[in-house]
N, C-alpha and C. Protein backbone atom coordinates (compact mmCIF):
# COMPACT_ATOMS: atom_id res chain seq x y z
N UNK A 1 26.49 7.34 172.57
CA UNK A 1 25.69 6.72 172.58
C UNK A 1 25.10 5.82 173.27
N UNK A 2 23.84 5.86 173.46
CA UNK A 2 23.28 5.26 174.67
C UNK A 2 22.32 3.92 174.05
N UNK A 3 23.17 2.63 174.27
CA UNK A 3 22.36 1.44 174.12
C UNK A 3 21.79 1.16 175.27
N UNK A 4 20.35 0.44 175.05
CA UNK A 4 19.80 -0.17 176.25
C UNK A 4 20.07 -1.70 176.14
N UNK A 5 20.34 -2.32 177.32
CA UNK A 5 20.12 -3.89 177.53
C UNK A 5 19.13 -4.53 176.81
N UNK A 6 19.01 -5.53 176.19
CA UNK A 6 17.80 -6.00 176.01
C UNK A 6 16.89 -6.48 176.71
N UNK A 7 17.05 -6.61 178.03
CA UNK A 7 16.05 -6.92 178.73
C UNK A 7 14.88 -5.78 179.39
N UNK A 8 15.84 -4.42 178.99
CA UNK A 8 15.27 -3.37 178.89
C UNK A 8 13.94 -2.77 177.65
N UNK A 9 14.60 -3.50 176.27
CA UNK A 9 13.99 -3.60 175.43
C UNK A 9 13.01 -4.16 175.37
N UNK A 10 12.93 -5.38 176.03
CA UNK A 10 11.68 -6.01 176.17
C UNK A 10 11.18 -5.72 176.97
N UNK A 11 11.31 -4.88 177.93
CA UNK A 11 10.08 -4.36 179.02
C UNK A 11 9.46 -2.79 178.48
N UNK A 12 10.59 -2.60 177.79
CA UNK A 12 9.65 -1.21 176.72
C UNK A 12 8.61 -2.25 175.80
N UNK A 13 8.88 -3.05 175.47
CA UNK A 13 7.64 -3.46 174.73
C UNK A 13 6.59 -4.32 175.13
N UNK A 14 6.89 -4.53 176.45
CA UNK A 14 6.00 -4.94 177.24
C UNK A 14 4.96 -4.00 177.68
N UNK A 15 5.50 -3.05 178.01
CA UNK A 15 4.70 -1.94 178.73
C UNK A 15 3.83 -1.52 177.66
N UNK A 16 4.79 -1.59 176.44
CA UNK A 16 3.67 -0.92 175.16
C UNK A 16 2.65 -1.70 174.92
N UNK A 17 2.80 -2.79 174.70
CA UNK A 17 1.56 -3.34 174.70
C UNK A 17 0.51 -3.55 175.83
N UNK A 18 0.62 -3.64 176.77
CA UNK A 18 0.13 -3.56 178.12
C UNK A 18 -0.79 -2.35 178.10
N UNK A 19 -0.07 -1.32 177.75
CA UNK A 19 -0.54 0.15 177.46
C UNK A 19 -1.78 0.13 176.18
N UNK A 20 -1.41 -0.72 175.10
CA UNK A 20 -2.09 -0.62 174.10
C UNK A 20 -3.50 -1.36 174.73
N UNK A 21 -3.24 -2.57 175.40
CA UNK A 21 -4.40 -3.59 175.67
C UNK A 21 -5.31 -2.65 177.04
N UNK A 22 -4.57 -1.49 177.56
CA UNK A 22 -5.71 -0.91 178.23
C UNK A 22 -6.28 0.18 177.24
N UNK A 23 -5.94 0.92 176.35
CA UNK A 23 -6.73 1.73 175.32
C UNK A 23 -7.37 0.67 174.82
N UNK A 24 -7.06 -0.02 174.41
CA UNK A 24 -8.53 -0.92 173.46
C UNK A 24 -9.35 -1.30 174.51
N UNK A 25 -9.28 -2.19 175.82
CA UNK A 25 -10.18 -1.83 177.17
C UNK A 25 -11.10 -0.87 176.98
N UNK A 26 -10.34 0.30 177.27
CA UNK A 26 -11.18 1.43 177.73
C UNK A 26 -12.48 2.06 176.34
N UNK A 27 -11.58 2.04 175.26
CA UNK A 27 -12.34 2.26 174.20
C UNK A 27 -13.70 0.96 173.78
N UNK A 28 -13.13 -0.05 174.52
CA UNK A 28 -14.41 -1.00 173.99
C UNK A 28 -15.60 -0.08 175.06
N UNK A 29 -15.34 0.24 176.16
CA UNK A 29 -16.17 0.47 177.20
C UNK A 29 -17.06 2.19 176.62
N UNK A 30 -16.16 2.56 175.81
CA UNK A 30 -17.26 3.73 175.02
C UNK A 30 -18.89 3.44 175.00
N UNK A 31 -19.19 2.35 174.79
CA UNK A 31 -20.69 2.14 174.08
C UNK A 31 -21.21 2.00 175.81
N UNK A 32 -20.55 1.98 176.55
CA UNK A 32 -21.51 2.02 178.33
C UNK A 32 -21.55 3.56 178.36
N UNK A 33 -20.22 4.12 177.92
CA UNK A 33 -20.55 5.77 178.29
C UNK A 33 -21.76 6.12 177.30
N UNK A 34 -21.63 5.96 176.08
CA UNK A 34 -22.72 6.51 175.26
C UNK A 34 -23.95 6.45 176.17
N UNK A 35 -24.59 5.21 176.50
CA UNK A 35 -25.77 4.93 177.14
C UNK A 35 -25.81 5.76 178.66
N UNK A 36 -24.79 6.01 178.80
CA UNK A 36 -25.10 7.20 180.23
C UNK A 36 -25.12 8.17 180.30
N UNK A 37 -24.47 8.76 178.99
CA UNK A 37 -24.83 9.98 178.56
C UNK A 37 -25.77 10.37 177.30
N UNK A 38 -26.34 9.15 177.29
CA UNK A 38 -27.34 9.58 175.87
C UNK A 38 -28.69 10.09 175.68
N UNK A 39 -28.73 10.52 176.86
CA UNK A 39 -30.74 10.99 177.01
C UNK A 39 -30.40 12.12 176.60
N UNK A 40 -29.41 12.76 176.58
CA UNK A 40 -28.77 14.17 176.39
C UNK A 40 -29.21 14.52 174.81
N UNK A 41 -29.07 13.49 174.23
CA UNK A 41 -28.76 13.08 173.02
C UNK A 41 -29.85 12.73 172.06
N UNK A 42 -30.85 11.75 172.95
CA UNK A 42 -32.45 11.77 172.32
C UNK A 42 -32.44 9.56 172.46
N UNK A 43 -31.50 9.38 173.51
CA UNK A 43 -32.10 8.13 173.81
C UNK A 43 -32.88 7.94 174.60
N UNK A 44 -33.47 6.84 174.76
CA UNK A 44 -34.67 6.38 175.92
C UNK A 44 -34.79 7.18 177.14
N UNK A 45 -35.88 8.06 177.33
CA UNK A 45 -35.81 8.75 178.62
C UNK A 45 -36.52 7.92 179.73
N UNK A 46 -36.97 6.63 179.37
CA UNK A 46 -37.44 5.72 180.71
C UNK A 46 -36.46 4.79 180.62
N UNK A 47 -35.24 4.72 180.51
CA UNK A 47 -34.31 4.06 180.92
C UNK A 47 -33.82 5.08 181.97
N UNK A 48 -33.71 4.58 183.82
CA UNK A 48 -33.41 5.09 184.40
C UNK A 48 -31.59 5.49 184.41
N UNK A 49 -30.88 4.44 183.74
CA UNK A 49 -29.43 5.21 183.61
C UNK A 49 -29.49 6.47 182.68
N UNK A 50 -30.07 6.20 182.21
CA UNK A 50 -29.47 7.33 181.14
C UNK A 50 -30.09 8.58 181.53
N UNK A 51 -31.40 8.65 182.40
CA UNK A 51 -31.93 9.88 182.61
C UNK A 51 -31.07 10.42 184.00
N UNK A 52 -30.61 9.46 184.42
CA UNK A 52 -29.36 9.83 185.80
C UNK A 52 -28.42 10.57 184.97
N UNK A 53 -27.82 10.09 184.41
CA UNK A 53 -26.52 10.14 183.59
C UNK A 53 -26.83 11.99 183.22
N UNK A 54 -28.25 12.09 182.30
CA UNK A 54 -28.33 13.53 181.90
C UNK A 54 -28.77 14.64 183.02
N UNK A 55 -29.48 13.98 184.10
CA UNK A 55 -29.91 15.05 185.16
C UNK A 55 -28.57 15.51 185.43
N UNK A 56 -27.69 14.63 186.08
CA UNK A 56 -26.16 14.93 186.52
C UNK A 56 -25.52 15.80 185.59
N UNK A 57 -25.71 15.73 184.95
CA UNK A 57 -24.75 16.94 183.82
C UNK A 57 -25.55 18.24 183.73
N UNK A 58 -27.09 18.48 183.92
CA UNK A 58 -27.60 19.17 183.43
C UNK A 58 -26.77 20.61 184.32
N UNK A 59 -26.76 21.77 183.87
CA UNK A 59 -26.79 23.18 183.90
C UNK A 59 -27.62 23.72 185.40
N UNK A 60 -27.56 24.43 185.74
CA UNK A 60 -27.97 25.07 187.10
C UNK A 60 -28.63 26.32 186.22
N UNK A 61 -29.59 26.81 186.40
CA UNK A 61 -29.94 27.95 186.08
C UNK A 61 -30.24 29.06 187.02
N UNK A 62 -30.43 30.50 186.43
CA UNK A 62 -30.08 31.42 187.19
C UNK A 62 -31.11 31.12 188.50
N UNK A 63 -32.44 31.31 187.90
CA UNK A 63 -33.40 30.93 188.83
C UNK A 63 -33.07 29.79 190.01
N UNK A 64 -32.75 28.67 189.59
CA UNK A 64 -32.28 27.77 190.78
C UNK A 64 -30.97 28.51 191.69
N UNK A 65 -30.40 29.14 191.10
CA UNK A 65 -29.16 29.81 192.12
C UNK A 65 -29.89 30.54 192.90
N UNK A 66 -31.12 31.40 192.59
CA UNK A 66 -31.79 32.52 193.19
C UNK A 66 -32.39 31.25 194.52
N UNK A 67 -33.07 30.74 194.27
CA UNK A 67 -33.79 29.99 194.95
C UNK A 67 -32.76 29.32 196.02
N UNK A 68 -31.87 29.12 195.44
CA UNK A 68 -31.11 28.15 196.66
C UNK A 68 -30.05 30.00 197.51
N UNK A 69 -29.95 30.55 196.94
CA UNK A 69 -29.47 31.96 197.70
C UNK A 69 -30.85 32.54 198.76
N UNK A 70 -31.90 32.58 198.19
CA UNK A 70 -32.76 32.62 199.46
C UNK A 70 -32.78 31.98 200.31
N UNK A 71 -32.78 30.27 200.14
CA UNK A 71 -32.81 29.53 200.98
C UNK A 71 -31.23 29.67 202.08
N UNK A 72 -30.57 29.70 201.45
CA UNK A 72 -29.25 30.17 202.38
C UNK A 72 -29.48 31.79 203.12
N UNK A 73 -30.02 32.23 202.57
CA UNK A 73 -30.02 33.96 203.21
C UNK A 73 -31.22 33.32 204.48
N UNK A 74 -32.35 32.84 204.34
CA UNK A 74 -33.17 32.22 205.49
C UNK A 74 -32.53 31.48 206.43
N UNK A 75 -31.87 30.73 206.14
CA UNK A 75 -30.95 29.94 207.00
C UNK A 75 -29.60 30.15 207.86
N UNK A 76 -29.75 31.45 206.94
CA UNK A 76 -28.20 32.32 208.14
C UNK A 76 -27.08 31.93 207.43
N UNK A 77 -27.08 31.49 206.36
CA UNK A 77 -25.58 31.00 205.67
C UNK A 77 -25.35 31.84 204.63
N UNK A 78 -24.73 32.93 204.94
CA UNK A 78 -24.82 34.10 204.19
C UNK A 78 -23.65 34.01 202.89
N UNK A 79 -22.60 33.18 203.42
CA UNK A 79 -21.60 33.54 202.43
C UNK A 79 -21.76 32.38 201.35
N UNK A 80 -22.59 31.10 201.83
CA UNK A 80 -23.35 30.53 200.54
C UNK A 80 -24.09 31.36 200.13
N UNK A 81 -25.00 32.35 200.46
CA UNK A 81 -26.15 32.72 199.56
C UNK A 81 -25.15 33.83 198.93
N UNK A 82 -24.13 34.66 199.13
CA UNK A 82 -23.33 35.48 198.28
C UNK A 82 -22.68 34.96 197.20
N UNK A 83 -22.43 33.16 197.27
CA UNK A 83 -22.01 32.48 196.04
C UNK A 83 -22.91 31.99 195.23
N UNK A 84 -24.09 31.61 195.79
CA UNK A 84 -25.56 31.27 195.02
C UNK A 84 -25.79 32.64 194.07
N UNK A 85 -25.94 33.81 194.74
CA UNK A 85 -26.52 35.09 194.02
C UNK A 85 -25.71 35.62 192.70
N UNK A 86 -24.11 35.42 193.20
CA UNK A 86 -23.09 35.84 192.26
C UNK A 86 -23.27 34.72 191.27
N UNK A 87 -23.53 34.10 191.29
CA UNK A 87 -23.60 32.56 190.43
C UNK A 87 -24.79 32.94 189.32
N UNK A 88 -25.92 33.27 189.95
CA UNK A 88 -27.00 33.54 188.87
C UNK A 88 -26.73 34.95 188.41
N UNK A 89 -25.94 35.38 188.86
CA UNK A 89 -25.69 37.01 188.23
C UNK A 89 -24.38 36.86 186.81
N UNK A 90 -24.01 35.73 186.96
CA UNK A 90 -23.14 35.36 185.89
C UNK A 90 -23.79 34.89 184.86
N UNK A 91 -24.71 34.50 185.39
CA UNK A 91 -25.84 33.89 184.28
C UNK A 91 -26.53 34.70 183.67
N UNK A 92 -27.25 35.45 184.20
CA UNK A 92 -28.15 37.02 184.04
C UNK A 92 -28.00 38.08 184.25
N UNK A 93 -26.89 38.63 184.07
CA UNK A 93 -25.92 40.29 184.58
C UNK A 93 -27.22 40.68 184.75
N UNK A 94 -28.24 41.15 184.33
CA UNK A 94 -29.27 42.02 184.39
C UNK A 94 -30.60 41.50 185.24
N UNK A 95 -30.39 40.41 186.60
CA UNK A 95 -31.29 39.61 187.18
C UNK A 95 -31.40 40.78 188.37
N UNK A 96 -32.26 41.66 188.60
CA UNK A 96 -32.83 42.64 189.86
C UNK A 96 -33.06 41.45 191.08
N UNK A 97 -33.57 40.65 190.78
CA UNK A 97 -33.66 39.65 192.23
C UNK A 97 -32.13 39.16 192.46
N UNK A 98 -31.39 38.79 191.58
CA UNK A 98 -30.10 38.17 192.24
C UNK A 98 -28.88 39.48 192.64
N UNK A 99 -29.39 40.54 192.10
CA UNK A 99 -28.40 42.10 193.01
C UNK A 99 -29.06 42.02 194.39
N UNK A 100 -30.46 41.98 194.34
CA UNK A 100 -30.66 42.74 195.71
C UNK A 100 -30.49 41.32 196.85
N UNK A 101 -30.67 39.94 196.30
CA UNK A 101 -30.06 38.93 197.13
C UNK A 101 -28.71 39.00 197.58
N UNK A 102 -27.99 39.63 196.47
CA UNK A 102 -26.12 39.59 196.64
C UNK A 102 -26.34 41.02 197.80
N UNK A 103 -26.69 42.02 197.46
CA UNK A 103 -26.76 43.21 198.60
C UNK A 103 -26.94 42.53 200.05
N UNK A 104 -28.45 42.06 199.81
CA UNK A 104 -28.45 41.35 201.13
C UNK A 104 -27.26 40.37 202.08
N UNK A 105 -27.07 39.56 201.04
CA UNK A 105 -25.92 38.60 201.49
C UNK A 105 -24.98 39.49 202.03
N UNK A 106 -24.39 40.62 201.35
CA UNK A 106 -23.29 41.04 201.96
C UNK A 106 -23.47 41.92 202.85
N UNK A 107 -24.76 42.30 203.12
CA UNK A 107 -25.67 43.24 204.22
C UNK A 107 -24.90 42.31 205.81
N UNK A 108 -25.67 41.05 205.56
CA UNK A 108 -25.43 40.18 206.97
C UNK A 108 -23.76 40.05 206.69
N UNK A 109 -23.48 39.67 205.47
CA UNK A 109 -21.53 39.39 205.90
C UNK A 109 -20.75 40.93 206.38
N UNK A 110 -21.35 41.97 206.39
CA UNK A 110 -21.16 43.22 207.17
C UNK A 110 -20.07 43.63 206.36
N UNK A 111 -20.23 43.38 204.80
CA UNK A 111 -19.56 43.57 203.38
C UNK A 111 -20.40 45.21 202.87
N UNK A 112 -20.76 46.28 203.69
CA UNK A 112 -21.37 47.06 203.18
C UNK A 112 -20.52 47.97 201.79
N UNK A 113 -19.56 48.13 202.06
CA UNK A 113 -19.07 48.77 200.92
C UNK A 113 -19.66 47.72 199.57
N UNK A 114 -19.62 46.48 199.52
CA UNK A 114 -19.84 45.53 198.64
C UNK A 114 -21.78 45.68 198.18
N UNK A 115 -21.93 45.39 199.15
CA UNK A 115 -23.66 45.63 199.55
C UNK A 115 -23.89 47.34 198.78
N UNK A 116 -23.48 48.36 198.84
CA UNK A 116 -23.58 49.17 198.24
C UNK A 116 -23.67 49.31 196.70
N UNK A 117 -22.41 48.47 195.94
CA UNK A 117 -22.45 48.43 194.79
C UNK A 117 -23.31 47.53 194.37
N UNK A 118 -23.98 46.79 194.80
CA UNK A 118 -25.44 45.93 194.43
C UNK A 118 -26.40 46.34 194.73
N UNK A 119 -26.49 47.71 195.70
CA UNK A 119 -28.08 48.22 195.63
C UNK A 119 -27.93 49.45 194.68
N UNK A 120 -26.66 49.60 194.33
CA UNK A 120 -26.48 50.51 193.36
C UNK A 120 -26.93 49.77 192.00
N UNK A 121 -26.93 48.61 191.53
CA UNK A 121 -26.84 47.91 190.68
C UNK A 121 -28.16 47.66 190.37
N UNK A 122 -29.04 47.31 191.64
CA UNK A 122 -30.41 47.14 191.67
C UNK A 122 -31.20 48.42 191.29
N UNK A 123 -30.52 49.39 191.56
CA UNK A 123 -31.37 50.58 191.39
C UNK A 123 -31.48 51.23 189.78
N UNK A 124 -30.12 50.82 188.78
CA UNK A 124 -30.09 51.14 187.53
C UNK A 124 -31.22 49.86 187.00
N UNK A 125 -31.42 48.52 187.33
CA UNK A 125 -32.10 47.93 186.93
C UNK A 125 -33.88 48.21 187.19
N UNK A 126 -34.23 48.31 188.65
CA UNK A 126 -35.64 48.38 188.54
C UNK A 126 -36.25 50.25 189.36
N UNK A 127 -35.27 51.01 189.28
CA UNK A 127 -34.90 52.24 189.80
C UNK A 127 -35.43 51.90 191.52
N UNK A 128 -35.74 53.12 192.10
CA UNK A 128 -35.93 53.13 193.78
C UNK A 128 -37.24 52.76 193.95
N UNK A 129 -37.20 51.45 193.98
CA UNK A 129 -38.82 50.93 194.29
C UNK A 129 -38.90 50.79 195.92
N UNK A 130 -40.27 50.96 196.38
CA UNK A 130 -40.15 50.54 197.74
C UNK A 130 -39.26 49.64 198.17
N UNK A 131 -39.46 48.25 197.58
CA UNK A 131 -38.43 47.21 197.92
C UNK A 131 -37.01 47.78 198.14
N UNK A 132 -36.41 48.07 197.40
CA UNK A 132 -35.10 48.51 197.51
C UNK A 132 -35.00 49.79 198.15
N UNK A 133 -35.39 50.46 198.41
CA UNK A 133 -35.07 51.62 199.30
C UNK A 133 -35.28 51.08 201.09
N UNK A 134 -36.74 50.33 200.87
CA UNK A 134 -36.47 49.18 202.32
C UNK A 134 -34.89 48.48 202.58
N UNK A 135 -34.73 47.65 201.67
CA UNK A 135 -33.47 46.70 201.64
C UNK A 135 -32.38 47.53 202.10
N UNK A 136 -32.42 49.30 201.32
CA UNK A 136 -30.99 49.68 201.94
C UNK A 136 -31.30 50.44 202.96
N UNK A 137 -32.64 50.65 203.22
CA UNK A 137 -32.99 51.20 204.51
C UNK A 137 -32.54 50.59 205.72
N UNK A 138 -32.31 49.17 205.65
CA UNK A 138 -32.36 48.27 206.30
C UNK A 138 -30.71 48.16 206.70
N UNK A 139 -30.23 48.13 205.36
CA UNK A 139 -28.66 48.15 205.24
C UNK A 139 -28.26 48.82 206.21
N UNK A 140 -28.73 50.23 206.18
CA UNK A 140 -28.26 51.52 206.84
C UNK A 140 -28.57 51.20 208.53
N UNK A 141 -29.55 50.76 208.92
CA UNK A 141 -29.78 50.33 210.14
C UNK A 141 -28.91 49.45 210.63
N UNK A 142 -28.41 48.40 209.79
CA UNK A 142 -27.49 47.28 210.25
C UNK A 142 -26.30 48.13 210.93
N UNK A 143 -25.99 49.12 210.14
CA UNK A 143 -24.69 49.61 210.12
C UNK A 143 -24.74 50.77 211.35
N UNK A 144 -26.10 50.95 211.96
CA UNK A 144 -26.48 51.85 212.95
C UNK A 144 -26.15 53.80 212.43
N UNK A 145 -26.78 53.54 211.06
CA UNK A 145 -26.94 54.67 210.66
C UNK A 145 -28.28 55.23 210.56
N UNK A 146 -29.02 55.76 211.55
CA UNK A 146 -30.54 55.63 211.94
C UNK A 146 -30.87 56.42 211.11
N UNK A 147 -30.69 57.85 210.89
CA UNK A 147 -30.76 58.98 209.88
C UNK A 147 -31.10 58.41 208.83
N UNK A 148 -29.97 57.72 208.11
CA UNK A 148 -30.31 57.37 206.63
C UNK A 148 -30.92 56.15 206.56
N UNK A 149 -31.27 55.50 207.75
CA UNK A 149 -32.15 54.15 207.36
C UNK A 149 -33.77 55.16 207.71
N UNK A 150 -34.04 56.05 208.30
CA UNK A 150 -35.10 56.63 208.51
C UNK A 150 -35.84 57.17 206.90
N UNK A 151 -34.60 57.99 206.71
CA UNK A 151 -34.96 58.51 205.32
C UNK A 151 -35.38 57.45 204.28
N UNK A 152 -34.65 56.56 204.28
CA UNK A 152 -34.89 55.64 202.99
C UNK A 152 -36.36 54.62 203.45
N UNK A 153 -36.36 54.48 205.11
CA UNK A 153 -37.76 53.94 205.07
C UNK A 153 -38.91 54.83 204.81
N UNK A 154 -38.83 55.97 205.75
CA UNK A 154 -39.79 56.78 204.97
C UNK A 154 -40.01 57.06 203.33
N UNK A 155 -39.15 56.93 202.49
CA UNK A 155 -39.12 57.07 200.97
C UNK A 155 -40.19 56.05 200.78
N UNK A 156 -39.54 54.60 201.04
CA UNK A 156 -40.35 53.32 200.65
C UNK A 156 -41.81 53.30 201.22
N UNK A 157 -41.98 54.08 202.50
CA UNK A 157 -43.54 53.81 203.18
C UNK A 157 -44.27 54.96 202.20
N UNK A 158 -43.77 56.05 201.83
CA UNK A 158 -45.09 56.74 200.75
C UNK A 158 -45.00 55.89 199.08
N UNK A 159 -44.05 55.27 199.21
CA UNK A 159 -44.50 54.30 198.22
C UNK A 159 -45.23 53.19 198.38
N UNK A 160 -45.38 52.89 199.25
CA UNK A 160 -46.43 51.40 199.80
C UNK A 160 -46.28 51.48 201.20
N UNK A 161 -47.70 52.44 201.72
CA UNK A 161 -47.80 52.55 203.10
C UNK A 161 -48.57 51.77 204.01
N UNK A 162 -49.08 50.74 203.47
CA UNK A 162 -49.51 49.24 203.65
C UNK A 162 -48.43 48.34 204.16
N UNK A 163 -46.85 48.21 203.47
CA UNK A 163 -46.18 47.27 203.72
C UNK A 163 -45.60 46.70 205.37
N UNK A 164 -46.10 45.80 205.81
CA UNK A 164 -45.86 44.91 206.91
C UNK A 164 -44.36 45.21 206.87
N UNK A 165 -43.57 45.03 206.15
CA UNK A 165 -41.98 44.76 206.63
C UNK A 165 -41.74 46.21 206.62
N UNK A 166 -41.87 47.41 205.75
CA UNK A 166 -41.50 48.80 205.86
C UNK A 166 -41.89 49.03 207.41
N UNK A 167 -43.20 48.87 207.53
CA UNK A 167 -43.89 49.71 208.76
C UNK A 167 -43.03 49.10 210.26
N UNK A 168 -42.71 47.66 209.74
CA UNK A 168 -41.97 46.93 211.03
C UNK A 168 -40.60 47.60 211.25
N UNK A 169 -39.87 48.15 210.00
CA UNK A 169 -38.70 48.90 210.18
C UNK A 169 -38.77 50.18 210.87
N UNK A 170 -39.63 50.84 210.48
CA UNK A 170 -40.02 52.36 210.85
C UNK A 170 -40.26 52.10 212.20
N UNK A 171 -40.84 51.41 212.94
CA UNK A 171 -41.07 51.20 214.33
C UNK A 171 -39.93 51.11 214.86
N UNK A 172 -38.85 50.15 214.25
CA UNK A 172 -37.59 50.13 214.89
C UNK A 172 -37.20 51.78 215.40
N UNK A 173 -37.15 52.12 214.15
CA UNK A 173 -36.17 53.56 214.12
C UNK A 173 -37.14 54.17 215.05
N UNK A 174 -38.30 54.28 215.38
CA UNK A 174 -39.11 55.02 216.46
C UNK A 174 -38.66 54.44 217.79
N UNK A 175 -38.51 53.21 217.85
CA UNK A 175 -38.19 52.67 219.27
C UNK A 175 -36.55 52.76 219.56
N UNK A 176 -35.91 52.75 218.52
CA UNK A 176 -34.31 53.32 218.95
C UNK A 176 -34.38 54.56 219.45
N UNK A 177 -35.12 55.60 218.71
CA UNK A 177 -34.96 56.88 218.95
C UNK A 177 -36.05 57.25 220.47
N UNK A 178 -37.13 56.30 220.83
CA UNK A 178 -37.57 56.35 222.04
C UNK A 178 -36.62 56.23 223.12
N UNK A 179 -36.04 55.29 222.98
CA UNK A 179 -34.80 54.69 223.75
C UNK A 179 -33.24 55.46 224.22
N UNK A 180 -33.83 56.91 222.86
CA UNK A 180 -32.73 58.01 223.09
C UNK A 180 -31.39 57.54 222.81
N UNK A 181 -31.54 56.39 221.64
CA UNK A 181 -30.07 55.50 220.77
C UNK A 181 -29.61 57.11 219.75
N UNK A 182 -28.46 56.95 219.31
CA UNK A 182 -28.12 58.13 218.40
C UNK A 182 -28.70 58.15 217.13
N UNK A 183 -29.21 58.96 216.78
CA UNK A 183 -29.62 58.90 215.26
C UNK A 183 -29.04 59.54 214.06
N UNK A 184 -27.93 58.66 213.98
CA UNK A 184 -27.32 58.97 212.66
C UNK A 184 -25.67 59.00 212.88
N UNK A 185 -25.07 58.89 211.88
CA UNK A 185 -23.59 59.62 212.08
C UNK A 185 -23.60 60.45 210.96
């Protein structure tokens, strides 16, 4: 039988009382917690505290993830871009813009195996559009497969002959060939 010393019993009672006091104080603070998050449930939207609390808790939409992903691609933060596009796809899996951005991020991370899978998803959603073919062509250009890149750029060019991006990519292929660089693998 394990009997406790009377001083230990008093200490336990003291700790229990202290714990009850803390719990009561915390519960008394629940009123302020309601006002901090109340905007979500219809409290006064002009109150800056409730507005900030509700904005901080608002989830990010797929479109916002796409915008962040595009900005990260533009600034060369390819790993962050990949994360944003994947988050967008988790919200809306049939989002061709996010899949195309994800493929571009993977291309720039030199993860061509994953880029190919993302391009496959984009083609399932959109078909072989000029933009998709151009991006895939650029992927093959990055890999050094000029022959496959040219094929894709030419298909894209037939669909959208006035597109300056596609024309610039074809010019890059022509320049590479004029310099006698190898044309394909």
